[in-house]
């Protein structure tokens, strides 16, 4: 990969895309049809999981709290970085 002219973050991004696609289109269908003790004889019932996740109010509340916290942390990081650079390099506009 070092001889390719692709930025490192783009390689990591494509790795995530391919990993997600393999999980969704290959691995989840395989485990859906494996026999198991839970889920009415299914090893993993992905359809029921999506249904429960979509209808769970506490999960939506938790996700919104996490998103809000991440946005606040990002804002603080941005302000601290700006303040530090303004203090260290006051001559830059």
Foldseek 3Di string as FASTA:
>chain_A
DVPDPDDPVVVVVVVVVVVVCCCVPPVVVVQQPQADDPDVRGRDPVVVVVVCCVPDPVNVVVVVVVVVVVVVVVVVVVVVVVVVCCVVCVPDD
